[in-house]
Protein backbone atom coordinates (compact mmCIF):
# COMPACT_ATOMS: atom_id res chain seq x y z
CA MET A 1 -36.22 -31.44 -51.66
CA LYS A 2 -34.06 -30.51 -54.64
CA TYR A 3 -30.31 -31.09 -54.37
CA VAL A 4 -27.96 -28.72 -56.17
CA ILE A 5 -24.30 -29.71 -56.29
CA ARG A 6 -22.17 -26.66 -56.99
CA ALA A 7 -19.36 -27.62 -59.38
CA GLY A 8 -18.21 -24.31 -60.80
CA GLY A 9 -15.14 -23.61 -58.65
CA LEU A 10 -11.62 -23.49 -60.05
CA GLY A 11 -9.65 -25.11 -57.22
CA THR A 12 -6.67 -22.80 -57.76
CA ARG A 13 -4.77 -23.98 -54.68
CA LEU A 14 -4.45 -27.48 -56.15
CA TRP A 15 -2.53 -26.32 -59.23
CA PRO A 16 -0.99 -27.84 -61.36
CA TYR A 17 -3.31 -30.84 -60.97
CA SER A 18 -6.39 -28.62 -60.90
CA ARG A 19 -6.67 -26.31 -63.93
CA ALA A 20 -9.25 -23.85 -65.25
CA LEU A 21 -10.43 -26.40 -67.83
CA LYS A 22 -10.48 -29.28 -65.35
CA PRO A 23 -10.78 -28.13 -61.73
CA LYS A 24 -10.34 -30.38 -58.71
CA GLN A 25 -13.96 -31.56 -58.51
CA PHE A 26 -13.42 -33.40 -61.79
CA HIS A 27 -10.41 -35.32 -60.45
CA ALA A 28 -10.22 -38.45 -58.30
CA LEU A 29 -8.25 -37.06 -55.37
CA ALA A 30 -9.68 -39.21 -52.59
CA GLY A 31 -10.59 -42.47 -54.30
CA SER A 32 -11.28 -44.10 -57.65
CA ARG A 33 -14.23 -41.83 -58.45
CA THR A 34 -14.01 -38.11 -59.10
CA MET A 35 -15.15 -35.76 -56.37
CA LEU A 36 -18.18 -34.78 -58.47
CA GLN A 37 -19.16 -38.41 -58.98
CA GLU A 38 -18.78 -39.09 -55.27
CA SER A 39 -20.95 -36.06 -54.46
CA VAL A 40 -23.79 -37.51 -56.53
CA GLU A 41 -23.37 -41.08 -55.26
CA ARG A 42 -23.35 -39.84 -51.66
CA LEU A 43 -26.94 -38.63 -52.10
CA GLU A 44 -28.35 -41.95 -53.32
CA PRO A 45 -29.92 -42.86 -49.93
CA VAL A 46 -31.97 -39.64 -49.82
CA ALA A 47 -32.42 -38.34 -53.37
CA ASP A 48 -33.86 -39.62 -56.62
CA LEU A 49 -31.75 -38.79 -59.65
CA GLY A 50 -34.57 -36.56 -60.90
CA ASP A 51 -34.09 -34.29 -57.86
CA ILE A 52 -30.32 -33.77 -58.32
CA TYR A 53 -29.00 -30.77 -60.22
CA ILE A 54 -25.44 -29.78 -61.08
CA SER A 55 -24.52 -26.09 -61.17
CA THR A 56 -21.40 -25.42 -63.21
CA GLY A 57 -19.72 -23.02 -65.60
CA ALA A 58 -20.34 -23.15 -69.33
CA GLN A 59 -16.76 -24.27 -70.01
CA MET A 60 -17.23 -27.31 -67.72
CA VAL A 61 -20.52 -28.62 -69.13
CA GLU A 62 -18.88 -31.33 -71.24
CA LEU A 63 -16.86 -32.53 -68.24
CA VAL A 64 -20.07 -32.88 -66.23
CA ARG A 65 -21.79 -34.77 -69.05
CA ALA A 66 -18.82 -37.10 -69.47
CA GLN A 67 -18.61 -37.89 -65.75
CA LEU A 68 -22.39 -38.01 -65.12
CA PRO A 69 -23.90 -39.40 -68.35
CA GLN A 70 -26.98 -40.51 -66.41
CA LEU A 71 -27.93 -36.92 -65.52
CA PRO A 72 -30.72 -35.47 -67.71
CA ALA A 73 -29.69 -32.38 -69.65
CA ASP A 74 -32.36 -30.18 -68.05
CA GLN A 75 -30.83 -30.85 -64.64
CA LEU A 76 -27.70 -28.91 -65.53
CA ILE A 77 -27.71 -25.33 -64.25
CA VAL A 78 -25.21 -23.57 -66.49
CA GLU A 79 -23.50 -20.36 -65.38
CA PRO A 80 -22.53 -18.40 -68.52
CA ALA A 81 -19.77 -16.72 -66.50
CA LEU A 82 -18.11 -17.70 -63.23
CA ARG A 83 -19.36 -15.19 -60.66
CA ASN A 84 -18.69 -16.77 -57.22
CA THR A 85 -21.18 -18.54 -54.98
CA GLY A 86 -23.58 -15.62 -54.51
CA PRO A 87 -24.76 -15.49 -58.12
CA ALA A 88 -24.60 -19.30 -58.39
CA VAL A 89 -26.94 -19.70 -55.44
CA GLY A 90 -29.18 -16.91 -56.73
CA LEU A 91 -29.44 -18.58 -60.13
CA GLU A 92 -30.29 -22.01 -58.73
CA CYS A 93 -32.96 -20.51 -56.47
CA ALA A 94 -34.51 -18.43 -59.28
CA LEU A 95 -34.64 -21.39 -61.67
CA LEU A 96 -35.92 -23.98 -59.22
CA GLU A 97 -38.46 -21.68 -57.56
CA ALA A 98 -39.88 -20.95 -61.02
CA ARG A 99 -40.05 -24.64 -61.90
CA HIS A 100 -41.04 -25.94 -58.45
CA PRO A 101 -42.75 -23.17 -56.45
CA GLY A 102 -42.20 -23.46 -52.70
CA CYS A 103 -39.27 -25.86 -53.08
CA THR A 104 -36.57 -26.55 -50.51
CA ILE A 105 -33.00 -26.69 -51.82
CA ALA A 106 -29.94 -28.43 -50.42
CA SER A 107 -27.09 -26.39 -51.90
CA LEU A 108 -23.98 -28.54 -51.58
CA GLY A 109 -20.31 -28.33 -52.49
CA SER A 110 -18.67 -30.82 -54.84
CA ASP A 111 -15.05 -30.38 -53.79
CA HIS A 112 -15.09 -31.53 -50.16
CA TYR A 113 -14.30 -34.91 -48.67
CA ILE A 114 -17.05 -36.42 -46.51
CA GLY A 115 -16.01 -39.69 -44.91
CA LYS A 116 -19.34 -40.36 -43.18
CA GLY A 117 -21.85 -40.25 -46.00
CA ALA A 118 -24.69 -41.90 -44.10
CA GLU A 119 -24.46 -39.31 -41.31
CA PHE A 120 -24.40 -36.51 -43.88
CA CYS A 121 -27.58 -37.85 -45.48
CA ARG A 122 -29.23 -38.13 -42.08
CA LEU A 123 -28.48 -34.50 -41.31
CA LEU A 124 -29.83 -33.46 -44.69
CA ARG A 125 -33.14 -35.11 -43.76
CA VAL A 126 -33.11 -33.28 -40.43
CA ALA A 127 -32.38 -29.97 -42.13
CA GLU A 128 -35.16 -30.55 -44.65
CA GLU A 129 -37.70 -31.04 -41.86
CA ALA A 130 -36.33 -28.03 -39.99
CA ALA A 131 -36.78 -25.90 -43.11
CA GLN A 132 -40.42 -26.99 -43.26
CA LEU A 133 -40.91 -26.02 -39.61
CA TYR A 134 -38.97 -22.74 -39.89
CA PRO A 135 -39.18 -21.65 -43.55
CA GLU A 136 -37.86 -18.17 -42.73
CA TYR A 137 -34.53 -19.64 -41.58
CA LEU A 138 -31.41 -20.52 -43.55
CA PHE A 139 -29.81 -23.77 -42.38
CA THR A 140 -26.19 -24.79 -42.57
CA ILE A 141 -24.53 -28.06 -41.64
CA GLY A 142 -21.46 -27.14 -39.61
CA VAL A 143 -18.64 -29.52 -38.80
CA LYS A 144 -17.52 -30.31 -35.28
CA PRO A 145 -13.82 -29.33 -35.08
CA VAL A 146 -11.34 -32.14 -34.58
CA ARG A 147 -8.31 -29.82 -34.15
CA VAL A 148 -7.35 -26.16 -34.01
CA GLU A 149 -7.68 -24.85 -37.56
CA THR A 150 -6.86 -21.41 -38.97
CA GLY A 151 -7.74 -22.24 -42.58
CA TYR A 152 -11.52 -22.54 -42.19
CA GLY A 153 -14.30 -20.09 -41.46
CA HIS A 154 -16.12 -20.77 -38.18
CA ILE A 155 -19.76 -20.69 -37.05
CA CYS A 156 -20.61 -19.61 -33.51
CA LYS A 157 -23.50 -21.62 -32.08
CA GLY A 158 -26.14 -19.62 -30.23
CA ALA A 159 -29.30 -20.62 -28.40
CA VAL A 160 -31.13 -23.85 -29.20
CA LEU A 161 -33.82 -23.23 -31.80
CA ASP A 162 -35.44 -26.67 -31.59
CA ARG A 163 -34.84 -30.38 -31.61
CA VAL A 164 -35.72 -32.07 -34.89
CA GLN A 165 -35.64 -35.85 -35.17
CA GLY A 166 -33.73 -35.81 -31.90
CA GLU A 167 -31.04 -33.50 -33.34
CA VAL A 168 -30.29 -30.14 -31.72
CA VAL A 169 -30.74 -27.21 -34.09
CA TYR A 170 -28.81 -24.13 -32.95
CA GLN A 171 -29.38 -20.53 -33.90
CA VAL A 172 -26.26 -19.03 -35.42
CA GLU A 173 -24.80 -16.25 -33.31
CA ALA A 174 -22.10 -15.23 -35.79
CA PHE A 175 -19.99 -16.28 -38.74
CA THR A 176 -16.27 -15.57 -38.44
CA GLU A 177 -13.57 -15.50 -41.07
CA LYS A 178 -10.45 -17.65 -40.87
CA PRO A 179 -9.07 -16.91 -37.38
CA ASP A 180 -5.49 -16.49 -36.28
CA ALA A 181 -3.92 -19.27 -34.21
CA VAL A 182 -4.84 -17.74 -30.84
CA ARG A 183 -8.49 -17.23 -31.69
CA ALA A 184 -8.74 -20.63 -33.42
CA LYS A 185 -7.52 -22.29 -30.22
CA GLN A 186 -10.07 -20.34 -28.17
CA TYR A 187 -12.87 -21.24 -30.56
CA THR A 188 -12.07 -24.95 -30.48
CA GLU A 189 -11.62 -25.15 -26.72
CA SER A 190 -14.88 -23.27 -26.06
CA GLY A 191 -17.02 -25.92 -27.78
CA HIS A 192 -19.23 -23.16 -29.17
CA TYR A 193 -17.80 -23.10 -32.69
CA LEU A 194 -18.15 -25.27 -35.78
CA TRP A 195 -16.24 -25.26 -39.04
CA ASN A 196 -18.18 -23.68 -41.89
CA ALA A 197 -18.41 -26.43 -44.51
CA ASN A 198 -20.60 -24.43 -46.95
CA GLN A 199 -23.36 -27.04 -47.00
CA PHE A 200 -26.78 -25.36 -46.92
CA VAL A 201 -30.50 -26.17 -46.80
CA TRP A 202 -33.12 -23.45 -47.35
CA LYS A 203 -36.33 -22.44 -49.03
CA ALA A 204 -35.57 -20.97 -52.45
CA ALA A 205 -38.16 -18.24 -51.86
CA THR A 206 -36.50 -17.26 -48.57
CA VAL A 207 -33.12 -16.85 -50.26
CA LEU A 208 -34.65 -14.71 -53.01
CA GLU A 209 -36.38 -12.54 -50.40
CA LEU A 210 -33.03 -11.98 -48.69
CA PHE A 211 -31.44 -10.95 -51.99
CA ALA A 212 -34.31 -8.47 -52.42
CA ARG A 213 -33.62 -7.08 -48.96
CA PHE A 214 -29.83 -6.87 -49.02
CA GLU A 215 -28.90 -6.80 -52.73
CA PRO A 216 -31.78 -5.17 -54.65
CA GLN A 217 -29.89 -4.73 -57.92
CA PHE A 218 -28.80 -8.36 -57.71
CA TYR A 219 -32.40 -9.35 -57.05
CA ALA A 220 -33.67 -7.41 -60.07
CA GLY A 221 -31.46 -9.47 -62.37
CA LEU A 222 -32.58 -12.71 -60.75
CA MET A 223 -36.24 -11.75 -61.21
CA LYS A 224 -35.68 -11.17 -64.93
CA ILE A 225 -34.21 -14.66 -65.12
CA LYS A 226 -37.05 -16.17 -63.06
CA ALA A 227 -39.68 -14.55 -65.28
CA ALA A 228 -38.08 -16.08 -68.39
CA VAL A 229 -37.91 -19.65 -67.05
CA GLY A 230 -39.91 -22.01 -69.26
CA THR A 231 -40.10 -19.56 -72.16
CA THR A 232 -38.19 -19.53 -75.42
CA ARG A 233 -36.08 -16.65 -74.04
CA GLU A 234 -34.81 -18.47 -70.93
CA ALA A 235 -31.26 -19.14 -72.18
CA GLU A 236 -31.03 -15.68 -73.78
CA VAL A 237 -32.04 -13.87 -70.58
CA ILE A 238 -29.65 -15.92 -68.41
CA ALA A 239 -26.81 -15.16 -70.84
CA ALA A 240 -27.61 -11.45 -70.70
CA GLU A 241 -28.33 -10.99 -66.99
CA TYR A 242 -26.08 -13.45 -65.16
CA PRO A 243 -22.68 -11.98 -66.14
CA GLN A 244 -23.86 -8.60 -64.82
CA LEU A 245 -24.44 -9.93 -61.31
CA GLN A 246 -21.87 -8.84 -58.75
CA SER A 247 -19.19 -11.45 -58.06
CA VAL A 248 -19.64 -12.08 -54.34
CA ALA A 249 -19.68 -15.07 -52.01
CA VAL A 250 -23.11 -16.09 -50.76
CA ASP A 251 -21.77 -15.69 -47.21
CA ASN A 252 -21.14 -11.97 -47.77
CA ALA A 253 -24.24 -11.38 -49.89
CA ILE A 254 -26.88 -12.80 -47.56
CA LEU A 255 -25.75 -15.47 -45.08
CA GLU A 256 -23.86 -13.20 -42.71
CA ARG A 257 -26.57 -10.53 -42.94
CA ALA A 258 -29.66 -12.73 -42.60
CA PRO A 259 -31.49 -12.31 -39.28
CA GLN A 260 -32.49 -15.96 -38.97
CA VAL A 261 -29.81 -18.57 -39.58
CA ALA A 262 -29.49 -21.94 -37.87
CA THR A 263 -26.96 -24.74 -37.87
CA LEU A 264 -26.69 -28.46 -37.24
CA GLU A 265 -23.53 -29.92 -35.75
CA GLY A 266 -22.09 -32.67 -37.92
CA ASP A 267 -19.44 -35.31 -37.25
CA LEU A 268 -18.85 -36.02 -40.92
CA GLY A 269 -15.21 -36.97 -41.36
CA TRP A 270 -15.09 -33.78 -43.41
CA GLY A 271 -12.15 -32.15 -45.11
CA ASP A 272 -11.93 -29.18 -47.45
CA ILE A 273 -9.10 -30.55 -49.62
CA GLY A 274 -8.38 -26.89 -50.21
CA SER A 275 -4.64 -27.24 -50.73
CA TRP A 276 -1.94 -29.85 -51.16
CA GLY A 277 -0.92 -29.36 -47.56
CA THR A 278 -4.30 -30.51 -46.24
CA LEU A 279 -4.67 -33.77 -48.19
CA THR A 280 -3.36 -35.79 -45.27
CA ASP A 281 -6.32 -34.50 -43.23
CA VAL A 282 -8.60 -36.85 -45.16
CA LEU A 283 -6.33 -39.42 -46.85
CA PRO A 284 -4.20 -41.94 -44.96
CA ALA A 285 -0.47 -41.25 -44.86
CA ASP A 286 2.17 -43.91 -44.29
CA ALA A 287 4.13 -44.39 -41.06
CA GLN A 288 6.50 -41.57 -42.04
CA GLY A 289 3.65 -39.15 -42.78
CA ASN A 290 4.05 -39.46 -46.54
CA LEU A 291 1.16 -39.41 -49.03
CA PHE A 292 2.03 -40.67 -52.50
CA SER A 293 0.10 -41.09 -55.74
CA GLY A 294 1.75 -42.60 -58.80
CA GLN A 295 5.21 -44.16 -58.86
CA VAL A 296 7.21 -42.80 -55.93
CA LEU A 297 10.44 -44.24 -54.56
CA SER A 298 11.17 -42.96 -51.08
CA LEU A 299 14.53 -43.13 -49.32
CA ASP A 300 14.23 -41.49 -45.90
CA ALA A 301 11.47 -39.04 -46.87
CA ARG A 302 9.12 -37.76 -44.18
CA GLY A 303 5.95 -35.73 -44.31
CA VAL A 304 6.01 -35.50 -48.11
CA THR A 305 2.94 -35.31 -50.37
CA ALA A 306 3.91 -36.39 -53.90
CA TYR A 307 1.65 -36.81 -56.94
CA GLY A 308 3.06 -37.97 -60.25
CA PRO A 309 1.69 -38.92 -63.69
CA PRO A 310 1.46 -42.56 -64.81
CA GLY A 311 4.69 -43.96 -66.16
CA LYS A 312 6.98 -41.42 -64.50
CA LEU A 313 9.01 -42.12 -61.37
CA ILE A 314 9.51 -39.62 -58.55
CA ALA A 315 12.53 -40.48 -56.37
CA LEU A 316 12.80 -38.85 -52.96
CA MET A 317 15.91 -38.85 -50.78
CA GLY A 318 16.30 -37.31 -47.34
CA VAL A 319 13.57 -34.66 -47.76
CA GLU A 320 10.90 -33.53 -45.31
CA ASP A 321 7.61 -31.63 -45.32
CA LEU A 322 7.45 -31.03 -49.06
CA VAL A 323 4.70 -30.98 -51.67
CA ILE A 324 5.75 -32.30 -55.08
CA VAL A 325 3.16 -32.40 -57.88
CA ASP A 326 4.33 -33.40 -61.35
CA THR A 327 2.15 -33.14 -64.46
CA PRO A 328 3.08 -33.43 -68.14
CA ASP A 329 3.59 -29.68 -68.54
CA ALA A 330 4.18 -28.27 -65.04
CA LEU A 331 5.98 -29.18 -61.82
CA LEU A 332 5.24 -27.79 -58.36
CA VAL A 333 7.70 -28.08 -55.46
CA CYS A 334 7.10 -26.22 -52.19
CA ARG A 335 7.29 -26.60 -48.45
CA LYS A 336 4.07 -28.02 -47.07
CA ASP A 337 3.56 -24.98 -44.85
CA GLN A 338 3.63 -22.80 -48.00
CA ALA A 339 1.05 -24.85 -49.92
CA GLN A 340 -1.68 -22.22 -49.48
CA ARG A 341 0.46 -19.84 -51.58
CA VAL A 342 -0.14 -21.84 -54.75
CA ARG A 343 -2.93 -19.37 -55.45
CA GLU A 344 -0.21 -16.70 -55.80
CA VAL A 345 1.41 -18.82 -58.51
CA MET A 346 -1.90 -18.89 -60.38
CA GLU A 347 -2.23 -15.12 -60.14
CA ARG A 348 1.29 -14.68 -61.50
CA LEU A 349 0.62 -17.09 -64.37
CA LYS A 350 -2.53 -15.22 -65.34
CA ALA A 351 -0.71 -11.89 -65.21
CA GLU A 352 2.07 -12.93 -67.61
CA GLU A 353 0.93 -13.80 -71.11
CA GLN A 354 3.66 -16.39 -71.81
CA TYR A 355 2.51 -18.44 -68.79
CA ARG A 356 -1.27 -18.28 -69.23
CA LYS A 357 -1.36 -21.62 -71.03
CA TYR A 358 -0.41 -23.29 -67.75
CA THR A 359 -3.52 -22.11 -65.92
């Protein structure tokens, strides 16, 4: 199996720490190693280095090389333009199917926290065998909910497809978008739903066939790229064709439309780290619910997440449920329940020329 770690996202909800030129996967948010480095190290029990690929944007290539100097250059899949997960997945499948016909791909995120790495690797092995048994299926590793959650997409488990290595493999009945509080509570209490962690295993050829079926224009561009792999025109064709692909999530392009999708239920200690307000889901807070990084002096602060740069003190007095993120050129202060709105700040910064340098 080939392992592709997707590292092209921008992490806009973790601004100002995460920026366009250094998104969150290149930061050490949950330990001493960056999230990208941890994503590679997590695979060591199941993958040889020669089977690990990094998919990233052209502007992030040097960051990848600096953080993963051991990775051979030909194992970088470079997106000449950022076009969402649909084109990224299409590109990795076209390239790897051309180089390794019949290959199975584990397409994995780089910006999630996984506390139970050994269990994750075990489920990857199960999914790999399931993909051999059912090559027409797409497989996803869903996460067993540990609370009611409105910020994640959900997967509805259907009938049992099979048992592989003693693990139940469920057919997927439906994918649902982020639910409101009432539906999220119903989903969790029913026991029929998993969180969608965007961790996939599938045959590259099956994915390409689904693009042909549901997105024929998309597929035509991918086939031009696939035909050029291994020739002197490979880079030229990717540069010409990839930016023309529709910017769409892989979920919308094929996953939600595919007739045969299955899921494994994982207890992974997983967290999205999608916003400053969710960091305490995966990182330990103190007795007052505070999560601090850097030099922070707290006097009666509760439920505060504060990140500061080295050599600068943040003093907190009598505040509750805040997010405070200080960087050399930008400061964010918001209520924790408003942390998801940081994306709105990014949109405003991009819209106003005098602020674009802060993105």
